[in-house]
Amino acid sequence: VVFTLNNWGELALEPELLPHEHLFIRENLGVAVRERDAHLVGEYVECLRAFGSDDSDPLIQLGMTFLLRAQDPNTHRWDVGGDAYTSYHATMVACQALLVHTHRGYGPGLPSCVAVLEKW
């Protein structure tokens, strides 16, 4: 939902637009780190950035530190124990989470969905 509404990283989102999702991500990023899940950590960091968090946010720092330490030193990828797609996805989301983000404005990218979200 977050990525759809922010045009896959193009637009920032106000946390009030998706308060439950924002809270869920903030409450569960640490769980994903403990589980050593590079996929979820990368996705959660991306979502927090979409909601306005920057590198000074302790959760962003936690996620970035985990991702940097979880990178395989030989292949420079993440989640190398799985199949090619699994490793590709983990590497893609980890790299995206570590990139500097600049948003082009505020979402949602589909303004007509705001009325639906308010009822949701």
C-alpha atoms as a PDB file:
ATOM      1  CA  VAL A   1       0.000   0.000   0.000  1.00  0.00           C
ATOM      2  CA  VAL A   2       2.777   2.435   0.934  1.00  0.00           C
ATOM      3  CA  PHE A   3       4.704   1.879  -2.296  1.00  0.00           C
ATOM      4  CA  THR A   4       1.572   2.121  -4.414  1.00  0.00           C
ATOM      5  CA  LEU A   5       0.561   5.408  -2.820  1.00  0.00           C
ATOM      6  CA  ASN A   6       4.020   6.956  -3.053  1.00  0.00           C
ATOM      7  CA  ASN A   7       4.607   5.874  -6.660  1.00  0.00           C
ATOM      8  CA  TRP A   8       7.371   3.487  -5.617  1.00  0.00           C
ATOM      9  CA  GLY A   9       9.490   6.065  -3.841  1.00  0.00           C
ATOM     10  CA  GLU A  10       8.703   9.170  -5.849  1.00  0.00           C
ATOM     11  CA  LEU A  11       6.440  10.882  -3.295  1.00  0.00           C
ATOM     12  CA  ALA A  12       6.608  11.383   0.458  1.00  0.00           C
ATOM     13  CA  LEU A  13       3.567  10.426   2.521  1.00  0.00           C
ATOM     14  CA  GLU A  14       2.207  11.918   5.710  1.00  0.00           C
ATOM     15  CA  PRO A  15       2.108   9.235   8.441  1.00  0.00           C
ATOM     16  CA  GLU A  16      -1.478  10.300   9.165  1.00  0.00           C
ATOM     17  CA  LEU A  17      -2.478   8.943   5.750  1.00  0.00           C
ATOM     18  CA  LEU A  18      -1.702   5.372   6.886  1.00  0.00           C
ATOM     19  CA  PRO A  19      -1.400   5.582  10.681  1.00  0.00           C
ATOM     20  CA  HIS A  20      -1.802   1.862  11.341  1.00  0.00           C
ATOM     21  CA  GLU A  21       0.769   0.881   8.742  1.00  0.00           C
ATOM     22  CA  HIS A  22       3.184   3.529  10.014  1.00  0.00           C
ATOM     23  CA  LEU A  23       2.856   2.272  13.586  1.00  0.00           C
ATOM     24  CA  PHE A  24       3.144  -1.374  12.492  1.00  0.00           C
ATOM     25  CA  ILE A  25       6.400  -0.683  10.655  1.00  0.00           C
ATOM     26  CA  ARG A  26       7.863   1.304  13.555  1.00  0.00           C
ATOM     27  CA  GLU A  27       6.909  -1.455  16.004  1.00  0.00           C
ATOM     28  CA  ASN A  28       8.196  -4.336  13.863  1.00  0.00           C
ATOM     29  CA  LEU A  29      11.420  -3.201  12.226  1.00  0.00           C
ATOM     30  CA  GLY A  30      13.340  -4.475  15.264  1.00  0.00           C
ATOM     31  CA  VAL A  31      11.658  -7.867  14.898  1.00  0.00           C
ATOM     32  CA  ALA A  32      12.804  -8.077  11.270  1.00  0.00           C
ATOM     33  CA  VAL A  33      16.360  -7.231  12.375  1.00  0.00           C
ATOM     34  CA  ARG A  34      16.275  -9.935  15.062  1.00  0.00           C
ATOM     35  CA  GLU A  35      15.001 -12.411  12.464  1.00  0.00           C
ATOM     36  CA  ARG A  36      17.812 -11.288  10.123  1.00  0.00           C
ATOM     37  CA  ASP A  37      15.306 -10.650   7.340  1.00  0.00           C
ATOM     38  CA  ALA A  38      17.045  -8.341   4.863  1.00  0.00           C
ATOM     39  CA  HIS A  39      13.908  -8.253   2.701  1.00  0.00           C
ATOM     40  CA  LEU A  40      11.664  -6.825   5.421  1.00  0.00           C
ATOM     41  CA  VAL A  41      14.310  -4.582   6.932  1.00  0.00           C
ATOM     42  CA  GLY A  42      14.928  -3.012   3.532  1.00  0.00           C
ATOM     43  CA  GLU A  43      11.207  -2.604   2.844  1.00  0.00           C
ATOM     44  CA  TYR A  44      10.527  -1.156   6.299  1.00  0.00           C
ATOM     45  CA  VAL A  45      13.379   1.361   6.005  1.00  0.00           C
ATOM     46  CA  GLU A  46      12.038   2.432   2.597  1.00  0.00           C
ATOM     47  CA  CYS A  47       8.556   2.886   4.059  1.00  0.00           C
ATOM     48  CA  LEU A  48       9.840   4.893   7.018  1.00  0.00           C
ATOM     49  CA  ARG A  49      11.703   7.162   4.606  1.00  0.00           C
ATOM     50  CA  ALA A  50       8.472   7.591   2.632  1.00  0.00           C
ATOM     51  CA  PHE A  51       6.806   8.666   5.886  1.00  0.00           C
ATOM     52  CA  GLY A  52       9.473  11.331   6.430  1.00  0.00           C
ATOM     53  CA  SER A  53      12.070   9.628   8.604  1.00  0.00           C
ATOM     54  CA  ASP A  54      15.671  10.472   7.815  1.00  0.00           C
ATOM     55  CA  ASP A  55      19.059   9.041   8.762  1.00  0.00           C
ATOM     56  CA  SER A  56      18.827  10.565  12.255  1.00  0.00           C
ATOM     57  CA  ASP A  57      15.857   8.311  13.129  1.00  0.00           C
ATOM     58  CA  PRO A  58      17.122   5.499  15.414  1.00  0.00           C
ATOM     59  CA  LEU A  59      15.050   2.951  13.493  1.00  0.00           C
ATOM     60  CA  ILE A  60      16.583   4.022  10.182  1.00  0.00           C
ATOM     61  CA  GLN A  61      20.010   3.730  11.804  1.00  0.00           C
ATOM     62  CA  LEU A  62      19.149   0.274  13.149  1.00  0.00           C
ATOM     63  CA  GLY A  63      17.982  -0.909   9.744  1.00  0.00           C
ATOM     64  CA  MET A  64      20.936   0.552   7.860  1.00  0.00           C
ATOM     65  CA  THR A  65      23.442  -0.889  10.336  1.00  0.00           C
ATOM     66  CA  PHE A  66      21.852  -4.308  10.026  1.00  0.00           C
ATOM     67  CA  LEU A  67      21.854  -4.157   6.222  1.00  0.00           C
ATOM     68  CA  LEU A  68      25.494  -3.106   6.059  1.00  0.00           C
ATOM     69  CA  ARG A  69      26.519  -5.921   8.396  1.00  0.00           C
ATOM     70  CA  ALA A  70      24.322  -8.525   6.694  1.00  0.00           C
ATOM     71  CA  GLN A  71      25.853  -8.041   3.249  1.00  0.00           C
ATOM     72  CA  ASP A  72      27.794 -11.127   2.150  1.00  0.00           C
ATOM     73  CA  PRO A  73      31.481 -10.141   2.024  1.00  0.00           C
ATOM     74  CA  ASN A  74      32.227 -12.487  -0.884  1.00  0.00           C
ATOM     75  CA  THR A  75      29.329 -11.793  -3.224  1.00  0.00           C
ATOM     76  CA  HIS A  76      28.346  -8.315  -1.944  1.00  0.00           C
ATOM     77  CA  ARG A  77      24.719  -9.475  -2.058  1.00  0.00           C
ATOM     78  CA  TRP A  78      22.145 -10.205   0.598  1.00  0.00           C
ATOM     79  CA  ASP A  79      20.349 -13.495   1.359  1.00  0.00           C
ATOM     80  CA  VAL A  80      22.749 -15.586  -0.701  1.00  0.00           C
ATOM     81  CA  GLY A  81      21.483 -18.862   0.758  1.00  0.00           C
ATOM     82  CA  GLY A  82      18.312 -18.823  -1.343  1.00  0.00           C
ATOM     83  CA  ASP A  83      17.617 -19.049  -5.026  1.00  0.00           C
ATOM     84  CA  ALA A  84      18.698 -16.357  -7.496  1.00  0.00           C
ATOM     85  CA  TYR A  85      15.439 -14.380  -7.279  1.00  0.00           C
ATOM     86  CA  THR A  86      15.441 -14.378  -3.470  1.00  0.00           C
ATOM     87  CA  SER A  87      18.987 -13.035  -3.386  1.00  0.00           C
ATOM     88  CA  TYR A  88      18.164 -10.502  -6.116  1.00  0.00           C
ATOM     89  CA  HIS A  89      15.143  -9.188  -4.210  1.00  0.00           C
ATOM     90  CA  ALA A  90      17.024  -8.924  -0.910  1.00  0.00           C
ATOM     91  CA  THR A  91      19.883  -7.122  -2.655  1.00  0.00           C
ATOM     92  CA  MET A  92      17.529  -4.764  -4.490  1.00  0.00           C
ATOM     93  CA  VAL A  93      15.575  -3.726  -1.374  1.00  0.00           C
ATOM     94  CA  ALA A  94      18.739  -3.426   0.724  1.00  0.00           C
ATOM     95  CA  CYS A  95      20.366  -1.142  -1.857  1.00  0.00           C
ATOM     96  CA  GLN A  96      17.220   0.970  -2.176  1.00  0.00           C
ATOM     97  CA  ALA A  97      17.022   1.333   1.599  1.00  0.00           C
ATOM     98  CA  LEU A  98      20.637   2.503   1.766  1.00  0.00           C
ATOM     99  CA  LEU A  99      20.280   5.124  -0.974  1.00  0.00           C
ATOM    100  CA  VAL A 100      19.827   8.804  -0.217  1.00  0.00           C
ATOM    101  CA  HIS A 101      16.183   9.673  -0.792  1.00  0.00           C
ATOM    102  CA  THR A 102      14.764  12.788  -2.385  1.00  0.00           C
ATOM    103  CA  HIS A 103      11.030  12.915  -2.895  1.00  0.00           C
ATOM    104  CA  ARG A 104       9.453  14.976  -5.684  1.00  0.00           C
ATOM    105  CA  GLY A 105       6.488  16.048  -3.604  1.00  0.00           C
ATOM    106  CA  TYR A 106       3.765  14.550  -1.455  1.00  0.00           C
ATOM    107  CA  GLY A 107       1.377  11.740  -2.205  1.00  0.00           C
ATOM    108  CA  PRO A 108      -0.701   9.891  -2.504  1.00  0.00           C
ATOM    109  CA  GLY A 109      -0.023   9.399  -6.166  1.00  0.00           C
ATOM    110  CA  LEU A 110      -3.689   8.514  -6.556  1.00  0.00           C
ATOM    111  CA  PRO A 111      -5.483  11.452  -4.888  1.00  0.00           C
ATOM    112  CA  SER A 112      -8.855   9.813  -5.422  1.00  0.00           C
ATOM    113  CA  CYS A 113      -7.954   7.113  -2.893  1.00  0.00           C
ATOM    114  CA  VAL A 114      -7.874   9.541   0.060  1.00  0.00           C
ATOM    115  CA  ALA A 115     -11.641   9.258   0.586  1.00  0.00           C
ATOM    116  CA  VAL A 116     -11.351   5.463   0.644  1.00  0.00           C
ATOM    117  CA  LEU A 117      -8.420   5.582   3.079  1.00  0.00           C
ATOM    118  CA  GLU A 118     -10.328   7.869   5.437  1.00  0.00           C
ATOM    119  CA  LYS A 119     -13.090   5.245   5.662  1.00  0.00           C
ATOM    120  CA  TRP A 120     -10.600   2.381   5.964  1.00  0.00           C
END
